[in-house]
PDB file of N, CA and C in Angstrom:
ATOM      1  N   UNK A   1      98.300 105.151 144.238  1.00  0.00           N
ATOM      2  CA  UNK A   1      98.786 106.188 143.348  1.00  0.00           C
ATOM      3  C   UNK A   1     100.081 106.809 143.874  1.00  0.00           C
ATOM      4  N   UNK A   2     100.163 106.989 145.177  1.00  0.00           N
ATOM      5  CA  UNK A   2     101.359 107.602 145.760  1.00  0.00           C
ATOM      6  C   UNK A   2     102.581 106.723 145.559  1.00  0.00           C
ATOM      7  N   UNK A   3     102.419 105.409 145.720  1.00  0.00           N
ATOM      8  CA  UNK A   3     103.583 104.533 145.527  1.00  0.00           C
ATOM      9  C   UNK A   3     103.986 104.486 144.062  1.00  0.00           C
ATOM     10  N   UNK A   4     103.047 104.620 143.149  1.00  0.00           N
ATOM     11  CA  UNK A   4     103.376 104.661 141.727  1.00  0.00           C
ATOM     12  C   UNK A   4     104.161 105.928 141.404  1.00  0.00           C
ATOM     13  N   UNK A   5     103.742 107.037 141.961  1.00  0.00           N
ATOM     14  CA  UNK A   5     104.411 108.317 141.698  1.00  0.00           C
ATOM     15  C   UNK A   5     105.698 108.489 142.488  1.00  0.00           C
ATOM     16  N   UNK A   6     105.960 107.605 143.430  1.00  0.00           N
ATOM     17  CA  UNK A   6     107.121 107.789 144.309  1.00  0.00           C
ATOM     18  C   UNK A   6     108.464 107.726 143.583  1.00  0.00           C
ATOM     19  N   UNK A   7     108.501 107.143 142.404  1.00  0.00           N
ATOM     20  CA  UNK A   7     109.753 107.057 141.647  1.00  0.00           C
ATOM     21  C   UNK A   7     110.043 108.337 140.861  1.00  0.00           C
ATOM     22  N   UNK A   8     109.030 109.138 140.617  1.00  0.00           N
ATOM     23  CA  UNK A   8     109.198 110.347 139.804  1.00  0.00           C
ATOM     24  C   UNK A   8     110.195 111.348 140.393  1.00  0.00           C
ATOM     25  N   UNK A   9     110.165 111.642 141.693  1.00  0.00           N
ATOM     26  CA  UNK A   9     111.141 112.608 142.217  1.00  0.00           C
ATOM     27  C   UNK A   9     112.595 112.147 142.046  1.00  0.00           C
ATOM     28  N   UNK A  10     112.849 110.846 142.236  1.00  0.00           N
ATOM     29  CA  UNK A  10     114.212 110.337 142.062  1.00  0.00           C
ATOM     30  C   UNK A  10     114.639 110.430 140.602  1.00  0.00           C
ATOM     31  N   UNK A  11     113.737 110.058 139.698  1.00  0.00           N
ATOM     32  CA  UNK A  11     114.055 110.139 138.271  1.00  0.00           C
ATOM     33  C   UNK A  11     114.334 111.586 137.870  1.00  0.00           C
ATOM     34  N   UNK A  12     113.511 112.518 138.347  1.00  0.00           N
ATOM     35  CA  UNK A  12     113.701 113.931 138.008  1.00  0.00           C
ATOM     36  C   UNK A  12     115.009 114.468 138.585  1.00  0.00           C
ATOM     37  N   UNK A  13     115.342 114.054 139.796  1.00  0.00           N
ATOM     38  CA  UNK A  13     116.595 114.485 140.418  1.00  0.00           C
ATOM     39  C   UNK A  13     117.797 113.996 139.606  1.00  0.00           C
ATOM     40  N   UNK A  14     117.714 112.779 139.108  1.00  0.00           N
ATOM     41  CA  UNK A  14     118.795 112.255 138.269  1.00  0.00           C
ATOM     42  C   UNK A  14     118.923 113.079 136.989  1.00  0.00           C
ATOM     43  N   UNK A  15     117.806 113.425 136.399  1.00  0.00           N
ATOM     44  CA  UNK A  15     117.840 114.238 135.174  1.00  0.00           C
ATOM     45  C   UNK A  15     118.453 115.600 135.468  1.00  0.00           C
ATOM     46  N   UNK A  16     118.050 116.222 136.559  1.00  0.00           N
ATOM     47  CA  UNK A  16     118.533 117.563 136.885  1.00  0.00           C
ATOM     48  C   UNK A  16     120.002 117.567 137.314  1.00  0.00           C
ATOM     49  N   UNK A  17     120.383 116.662 138.202  1.00  0.00           N
ATOM     50  CA  UNK A  17     121.735 116.681 138.770  1.00  0.00           C
ATOM     51  C   UNK A  17     122.726 115.799 138.024  1.00  0.00           C
ATOM     52  N   UNK A  18     122.213 114.831 137.246  1.00  0.00           N
ATOM     53  CA  UNK A  18     123.051 113.917 136.475  1.00  0.00           C
ATOM     54  C   UNK A  18     123.995 113.106 137.360  1.00  0.00           C
ATOM     55  N   UNK A  19     123.548 112.815 138.568  1.00  0.00           N
ATOM     56  CA  UNK A  19     124.360 112.059 139.515  1.00  0.00           C
ATOM     57  C   UNK A  19     123.556 110.875 140.043  1.00  0.00           C
ATOM     58  N   UNK A  20     124.209 109.729 140.095  1.00  0.00           N
ATOM     59  CA  UNK A  20     123.546 108.531 140.602  1.00  0.00           C
ATOM     60  C   UNK A  20     124.441 107.751 141.573  1.00  0.00           C
ATOM     61  N   UNK A  21     125.502 108.373 142.055  1.00  0.00           N
ATOM     62  CA  UNK A  21     126.467 107.689 142.905  1.00  0.00           C
ATOM     63  C   UNK A  21     125.884 107.112 144.181  1.00  0.00           C
ATOM     64  N   UNK A  22     124.851 107.714 144.717  1.00  0.00           N
ATOM     65  CA  UNK A  22     124.270 107.254 145.982  1.00  0.00           C
ATOM     66  C   UNK A  22     123.120 106.268 145.791  1.00  0.00           C
ATOM     67  N   UNK A  23     122.872 105.864 144.559  1.00  0.00           N
ATOM     68  CA  UNK A  23     121.757 104.967 144.278  1.00  0.00           C
ATOM     69  C   UNK A  23     122.265 103.526 144.224  1.00  0.00           C
ATOM     70  N   UNK A  24     121.548 102.631 144.883  1.00  0.00           N
ATOM     71  CA  UNK A  24     121.904 101.219 144.880  1.00  0.00           C
ATOM     72  C   UNK A  24     121.369 100.543 143.613  1.00  0.00           C
ATOM     73  N   UNK A  25     122.280 100.174 142.733  1.00  0.00           N
ATOM     74  CA  UNK A  25     121.881  99.482 141.498  1.00  0.00           C
ATOM     75  C   UNK A  25     121.256  98.131 141.809  1.00  0.00           C
ATOM     76  N   UNK A  26     121.777  97.435 142.820  1.00  0.00           N
ATOM     77  CA  UNK A  26     121.220  96.127 143.184  1.00  0.00           C
ATOM     78  C   UNK A  26     119.769  96.266 143.651  1.00  0.00           C
ATOM     79  N   UNK A  27     119.492  97.297 144.437  1.00  0.00           N
ATOM     80  CA  UNK A  27     118.125  97.514 144.912  1.00  0.00           C
ATOM     81  C   UNK A  27     117.193  97.789 143.742  1.00  0.00           C
ATOM     82  N   UNK A  28     117.642  98.626 142.794  1.00  0.00           N
ATOM     83  CA  UNK A  28     116.783  98.933 141.651  1.00  0.00           C
ATOM     84  C   UNK A  28     116.668  97.750 140.705  1.00  0.00           C
ATOM     85  N   UNK A  29     117.680  96.898 140.623  1.00  0.00           N
ATOM     86  CA  UNK A  29     117.574  95.681 139.808  1.00  0.00           C
ATOM     87  C   UNK A  29     116.485  94.769 140.375  1.00  0.00           C
ATOM     88  N   UNK A  30     116.457  94.623 141.696  1.00  0.00           N
ATOM     89  CA  UNK A  30     115.408  93.819 142.323  1.00  0.00           C
ATOM     90  C   UNK A  30     114.039  94.466 142.152  1.00  0.00           C
ATOM     91  N   UNK A  31     113.985  95.778 142.261  1.00  0.00           N
ATOM     92  CA  UNK A  31     112.726  96.504 142.088  1.00  0.00           C
ATOM     93  C   UNK A  31     112.187  96.319 140.670  1.00  0.00           C
ATOM     94  N   UNK A  32     113.072  96.462 139.680  1.00  0.00           N
ATOM     95  CA  UNK A  32     112.668  96.271 138.277  1.00  0.00           C
ATOM     96  C   UNK A  32     112.162  94.851 138.066  1.00  0.00           C
ATOM     97  N   UNK A  33     112.872  93.872 138.604  1.00  0.00           N
ATOM     98  CA  UNK A  33     112.436  92.476 138.468  1.00  0.00           C
ATOM     99  C   UNK A  33     111.062  92.277 139.112  1.00  0.00           C
ATOM    100  N   UNK A  34     110.871  92.850 140.285  1.00  0.00           N
ATOM    101  CA  UNK A  34     109.588  92.727 140.966  1.00  0.00           C
ATOM    102  C   UNK A  34     108.447  93.335 140.171  1.00  0.00           C
ATOM    103  N   UNK A  35     108.666  94.535 139.654  1.00  0.00           N
ATOM    104  CA  UNK A  35     107.607  95.169 138.856  1.00  0.00           C
ATOM    105  C   UNK A  35     107.366  94.409 137.563  1.00  0.00           C
ATOM    106  N   UNK A  36     108.423  93.854 136.988  1.00  0.00           N
ATOM    107  CA  UNK A  36     108.252  93.036 135.786  1.00  0.00           C
ATOM    108  C   UNK A  36     107.381  91.816 136.061  1.00  0.00           C
ATOM    109  N   UNK A  37     107.604  91.178 137.206  1.00  0.00           N
ATOM    110  CA  UNK A  37     106.792  90.015 137.577  1.00  0.00           C
ATOM    111  C   UNK A  37     105.343  90.411 137.862  1.00  0.00           C
ATOM    112  N   UNK A  38     105.150  91.515 138.582  1.00  0.00           N
ATOM    113  CA  UNK A  38     103.785  91.983 138.851  1.00  0.00           C
ATOM    114  C   UNK A  38     103.070  92.369 137.554  1.00  0.00           C
ATOM    115  N   UNK A  39     103.797  92.977 136.636  1.00  0.00           N
ATOM    116  CA  UNK A  39     103.206  93.340 135.344  1.00  0.00           C
ATOM    117  C   UNK A  39     102.784  92.080 134.590  1.00  0.00           C
ATOM    118  N   UNK A  40     103.650  91.086 134.590  1.00  0.00           N
ATOM    119  CA  UNK A  40     103.319  89.818 133.937  1.00  0.00           C
ATOM    120  C   UNK A  40     102.079  89.190 134.561  1.00  0.00           C
ATOM    121  N   UNK A  41     102.024  89.197 135.883  1.00  0.00           N
ATOM    122  CA  UNK A  41     100.865  88.660 136.605  1.00  0.00           C
ATOM    123  C   UNK A  41      99.595  89.414 136.206  1.00  0.00           C
ATOM    124  N   UNK A  42      99.679  90.734 136.149  1.00  0.00           N
ATOM    125  CA  UNK A  42      98.516  91.534 135.752  1.00  0.00           C
ATOM    126  C   UNK A  42      98.064  91.229 134.335  1.00  0.00           C
ATOM    127  N   UNK A  43      99.042  91.051 133.437  1.00  0.00           N
ATOM    128  CA  UNK A  43      98.706  90.726 132.044  1.00  0.00           C
ATOM    129  C   UNK A  43      98.018  89.359 131.977  1.00  0.00           C
ATOM    130  N   UNK A  44      98.568  88.379 132.706  1.00  0.00           N
ATOM    131  CA  UNK A  44      97.974  87.035 132.700  1.00  0.00           C
ATOM    132  C   UNK A  44      96.548  87.042 133.240  1.00  0.00           C
ATOM    133  N   UNK A  45      96.284  87.896 134.216  1.00  0.00           N
ATOM    134  CA  UNK A  45      94.933  87.994 134.781  1.00  0.00           C
ATOM    135  C   UNK A  45      94.037  88.947 133.992  1.00  0.00           C
ATOM    136  N   UNK A  46      94.634  89.757 133.121  1.00  0.00           N
ATOM    137  CA  UNK A  46      93.855  90.755 132.393  1.00  0.00           C
ATOM    138  C   UNK A  46      93.353  91.871 133.286  1.00  0.00           C
ATOM    139  N   UNK A  47      94.090  92.166 134.348  1.00  0.00           N
ATOM    140  CA  UNK A  47      93.695  93.186 135.324  1.00  0.00           C
ATOM    141  C   UNK A  47      94.373  94.515 134.999  1.00  0.00           C
ATOM    142  N   UNK A  48      93.632  95.422 134.395  1.00  0.00           N
ATOM    143  CA  UNK A  48      94.199  96.696 133.962  1.00  0.00           C
ATOM    144  C   UNK A  48      94.800  97.542 135.081  1.00  0.00           C
ATOM    145  N   UNK A  49      94.203  97.569 136.273  1.00  0.00           N
ATOM    146  CA  UNK A  49      94.847  98.344 137.344  1.00  0.00           C
ATOM    147  C   UNK A  49      96.260  97.826 137.661  1.00  0.00           C
ATOM    148  N   UNK A  50      96.440  96.518 137.691  1.00  0.00           N
ATOM    149  CA  UNK A  50      97.773  95.943 137.915  1.00  0.00           C
ATOM    150  C   UNK A  50      98.703  96.245 136.752  1.00  0.00           C
ATOM    151  N   UNK A  51      98.190  96.154 135.556  1.00  0.00           N
ATOM    152  CA  UNK A  51      99.007  96.370 134.359  1.00  0.00           C
ATOM    153  C   UNK A  51      99.498  97.810 134.296  1.00  0.00           C
ATOM    154  N   UNK A  52      98.598  98.753 134.441  1.00  0.00           N
ATOM    155  CA  UNK A  52      98.954 100.171 134.291  1.00  0.00           C
ATOM    156  C   UNK A  52      99.904 100.624 135.394  1.00  0.00           C
ATOM    157  N   UNK A  53      99.564 100.332 136.639  1.00  0.00           N
ATOM    158  CA  UNK A  53     100.408 100.820 137.736  1.00  0.00           C
ATOM    159  C   UNK A  53     101.792 100.173 137.706  1.00  0.00           C
ATOM    160  N   UNK A  54     101.847  98.889 137.441  1.00  0.00           N
ATOM    161  CA  UNK A  54     103.148  98.223 137.422  1.00  0.00           C
ATOM    162  C   UNK A  54     103.953  98.563 136.182  1.00  0.00           C
ATOM    163  N   UNK A  55     103.301  98.849 135.072  1.00  0.00           N
ATOM    164  CA  UNK A  55     104.022  99.294 133.880  1.00  0.00           C
ATOM    165  C   UNK A  55     104.666 100.660 134.131  1.00  0.00           C
ATOM    166  N   UNK A  56     103.921 101.568 134.775  1.00  0.00           N
ATOM    167  CA  UNK A  56     104.481 102.882 135.092  1.00  0.00           C
ATOM    168  C   UNK A  56     105.650 102.765 136.066  1.00  0.00           C
ATOM    169  N   UNK A  57     105.488 101.964 137.104  1.00  0.00           N
ATOM    170  CA  UNK A  57     106.568 101.766 138.078  1.00  0.00           C
ATOM    171  C   UNK A  57     107.768 101.098 137.423  1.00  0.00           C
ATOM    172  N   UNK A  58     107.516 100.135 136.559  1.00  0.00           N
ATOM    173  CA  UNK A  58     108.603  99.459 135.850  1.00  0.00           C
ATOM    174  C   UNK A  58     109.380 100.437 134.987  1.00  0.00           C
ATOM    175  N   UNK A  59     108.684 101.292 134.259  1.00  0.00           N
ATOM    176  CA  UNK A  59     109.363 102.270 133.403  1.00  0.00           C
ATOM    177  C   UNK A  59     110.235 103.229 134.216  1.00  0.00           C
ATOM    178  N   UNK A  60     109.675 103.757 135.292  1.00  0.00           N
ATOM    179  CA  UNK A  60     110.453 104.719 136.085  1.00  0.00           C
ATOM    180  C   UNK A  60     111.612 104.060 136.816  1.00  0.00           C
ATOM    181  N   UNK A  61     111.382 102.896 137.406  1.00  0.00           N
ATOM    182  CA  UNK A  61     112.479 102.242 138.122  1.00  0.00           C
ATOM    183  C   UNK A  61     113.534 101.720 137.149  1.00  0.00           C
ATOM    184  N   UNK A  62     113.128 101.279 135.962  1.00  0.00           N
ATOM    185  CA  UNK A  62     114.108 100.847 134.951  1.00  0.00           C
ATOM    186  C   UNK A  62     114.939 102.037 134.474  1.00  0.00           C
ATOM    187  N   UNK A  63     114.304 103.194 134.325  1.00  0.00           N
ATOM    188  CA  UNK A  63     115.047 104.400 133.951  1.00  0.00           C
ATOM    189  C   UNK A  63     116.108 104.713 135.002  1.00  0.00           C
ATOM    190  N   UNK A  64     115.723 104.666 136.265  1.00  0.00           N
ATOM    191  CA  UNK A  64     116.666 104.946 137.352  1.00  0.00           C
ATOM    192  C   UNK A  64     117.800 103.917 137.335  1.00  0.00           C
ATOM    193  N   UNK A  65     117.470 102.652 137.154  1.00  0.00           N
ATOM    194  CA  UNK A  65     118.498 101.604 137.105  1.00  0.00           C
ATOM    195  C   UNK A  65     119.453 101.829 135.940  1.00  0.00           C
ATOM    196  N   UNK A  66     118.923 102.069 134.768  1.00  0.00           N
ATOM    197  CA  UNK A  66     119.778 102.277 133.592  1.00  0.00           C
ATOM    198  C   UNK A  66     120.669 103.492 133.785  1.00  0.00           C
ATOM    199  N   UNK A  67     120.097 104.567 134.288  1.00  0.00           N
ATOM    200  CA  UNK A  67     120.910 105.769 134.508  1.00  0.00           C
ATOM    201  C   UNK A  67     122.003 105.514 135.544  1.00  0.00           C
ATOM    202  N   UNK A  68     121.735 104.678 136.539  1.00  0.00           N
ATOM    203  CA  UNK A  68     122.756 104.398 137.548  1.00  0.00           C
ATOM    204  C   UNK A  68     123.889 103.549 136.985  1.00  0.00           C
ATOM    205  N   UNK A  69     123.620 102.821 135.917  1.00  0.00           N
ATOM    206  CA  UNK A  69     124.633 101.956 135.309  1.00  0.00           C
ATOM    207  C   UNK A  69     125.417 102.621 134.172  1.00  0.00           C
ATOM    208  N   UNK A  70     124.859 103.686 133.618  1.00  0.00           N
ATOM    209  CA  UNK A  70     125.510 104.358 132.489  1.00  0.00           C
ATOM    210  C   UNK A  70     126.747 105.136 132.931  1.00  0.00           C
ATOM    211  N   UNK A  71     127.747 105.216 132.042  1.00  0.00           N
ATOM    212  CA  UNK A  71     128.870 106.118 132.331  1.00  0.00           C
ATOM    213  C   UNK A  71     128.392 107.573 132.291  1.00  0.00           C
ATOM    214  N   UNK A  72     129.127 108.451 132.945  1.00  0.00           N
ATOM    215  CA  UNK A  72     128.696 109.848 133.091  1.00  0.00           C
ATOM    216  C   UNK A  72     128.391 110.521 131.759  1.00  0.00           C
ATOM    217  N   UNK A  73     129.197 110.277 130.755  1.00  0.00           N
ATOM    218  CA  UNK A  73     128.987 110.905 129.445  1.00  0.00           C
ATOM    219  C   UNK A  73     127.615 110.547 128.882  1.00  0.00           C
ATOM    220  N   UNK A  74     127.229 109.287 129.020  1.00  0.00           N
ATOM    221  CA  UNK A  74     125.923 108.841 128.516  1.00  0.00           C
ATOM    222  C   UNK A  74     124.778 109.392 129.383  1.00  0.00           C
ATOM    223  N   UNK A  75     124.995 109.482 130.699  1.00  0.00           N
ATOM    224  CA  UNK A  75     123.981 110.096 131.573  1.00  0.00           C
ATOM    225  C   UNK A  75     123.711 111.516 131.130  1.00  0.00           C
ATOM    226  N   UNK A  76     124.795 112.250 130.851  1.00  0.00           N
ATOM    227  CA  UNK A  76     124.648 113.638 130.412  1.00  0.00           C
ATOM    228  C   UNK A  76     123.869 113.713 129.108  1.00  0.00           C
ATOM    229  N   UNK A  77     124.141 112.796 128.189  1.00  0.00           N
ATOM    230  CA  UNK A  77     123.448 112.795 126.902  1.00  0.00           C
ATOM    231  C   UNK A  77     121.958 112.550 127.083  1.00  0.00           C
ATOM    232  N   UNK A  78     121.604 111.555 127.884  1.00  0.00           N
ATOM    233  CA  UNK A  78     120.191 111.248 128.140  1.00  0.00           C
ATOM    234  C   UNK A  78     119.517 112.425 128.840  1.00  0.00           C
ATOM    235  N   UNK A  79     120.167 112.963 129.857  1.00  0.00           N
ATOM    236  CA  UNK A  79     119.585 114.085 130.604  1.00  0.00           C
ATOM    237  C   UNK A  79     119.427 115.312 129.715  1.00  0.00           C
ATOM    238  N   UNK A  80     120.374 115.545 128.811  1.00  0.00           N
ATOM    239  CA  UNK A  80     120.258 116.681 127.892  1.00  0.00           C
ATOM    240  C   UNK A  80     119.042 116.551 126.985  1.00  0.00           C
ATOM    241  N   UNK A  81     118.735 115.331 126.581  1.00  0.00           N
ATOM    242  CA  UNK A  81     117.563 115.114 125.738  1.00  0.00           C
ATOM    243  C   UNK A  81     116.275 115.361 126.529  1.00  0.00           C
ATOM    244  N   UNK A  82     116.251 114.908 127.774  1.00  0.00           N
ATOM    245  CA  UNK A  82     115.040 115.039 128.597  1.00  0.00           C
ATOM    246  C   UNK A  82     114.862 116.427 129.202  1.00  0.00           C
ATOM    247  N   UNK A  83     115.964 117.126 129.437  1.00  0.00           N
ATOM    248  CA  UNK A  83     115.910 118.473 130.014  1.00  0.00           C
ATOM    249  C   UNK A  83     117.013 119.320 129.391  1.00  0.00           C
ATOM    250  N   UNK A  84     116.775 119.822 128.199  1.00  0.00           N
ATOM    251  CA  UNK A  84     117.815 120.542 127.474  1.00  0.00           C
ATOM    252  C   UNK A  84     118.231 121.880 128.092  1.00  0.00           C
ATOM    253  N   UNK A  85     117.472 122.404 129.056  1.00  0.00           N
ATOM    254  CA  UNK A  85     117.809 123.691 129.653  1.00  0.00           C
ATOM    255  C   UNK A  85     119.005 123.621 130.600  1.00  0.00           C
ATOM    256  N   UNK A  86     119.281 122.432 131.140  1.00  0.00           N
ATOM    257  CA  UNK A  86     120.393 122.267 132.073  1.00  0.00           C
ATOM    258  C   UNK A  86     121.605 121.779 131.301  1.00  0.00           C
ATOM    259  N   UNK A  87     122.701 122.444 131.462  1.00  0.00           N
ATOM    260  CA  UNK A  87     123.937 122.032 130.805  1.00  0.00           C
ATOM    261  C   UNK A  87     124.917 121.533 131.845  1.00  0.00           C
ATOM    262  N   UNK A  88     125.534 120.396 131.541  1.00  0.00           N
ATOM    263  CA  UNK A  88     126.486 119.824 132.501  1.00  0.00           C
ATOM    264  C   UNK A  88     127.819 120.521 132.453  1.00  0.00           C
TER     265      UNK A  88
END
């Protein structure tokens, strides 16, 4: 459970600060690919614990990857939707 939740603080920090300059896109691309493969494996086996945990990790790590690749204007737009109280 802790490793599944470990992506949440980084995702929240990106939403709050709207900065991703220190994040390695290559590392998150590999992470997303890995979780995608584990999710596929879980689906093929019909193992719900693998499916749920890897789907959650895939969603959060994909969010971090996408935000790291977006131009600043688009990051601000996404962050404004997710946390409208913070203005850039």
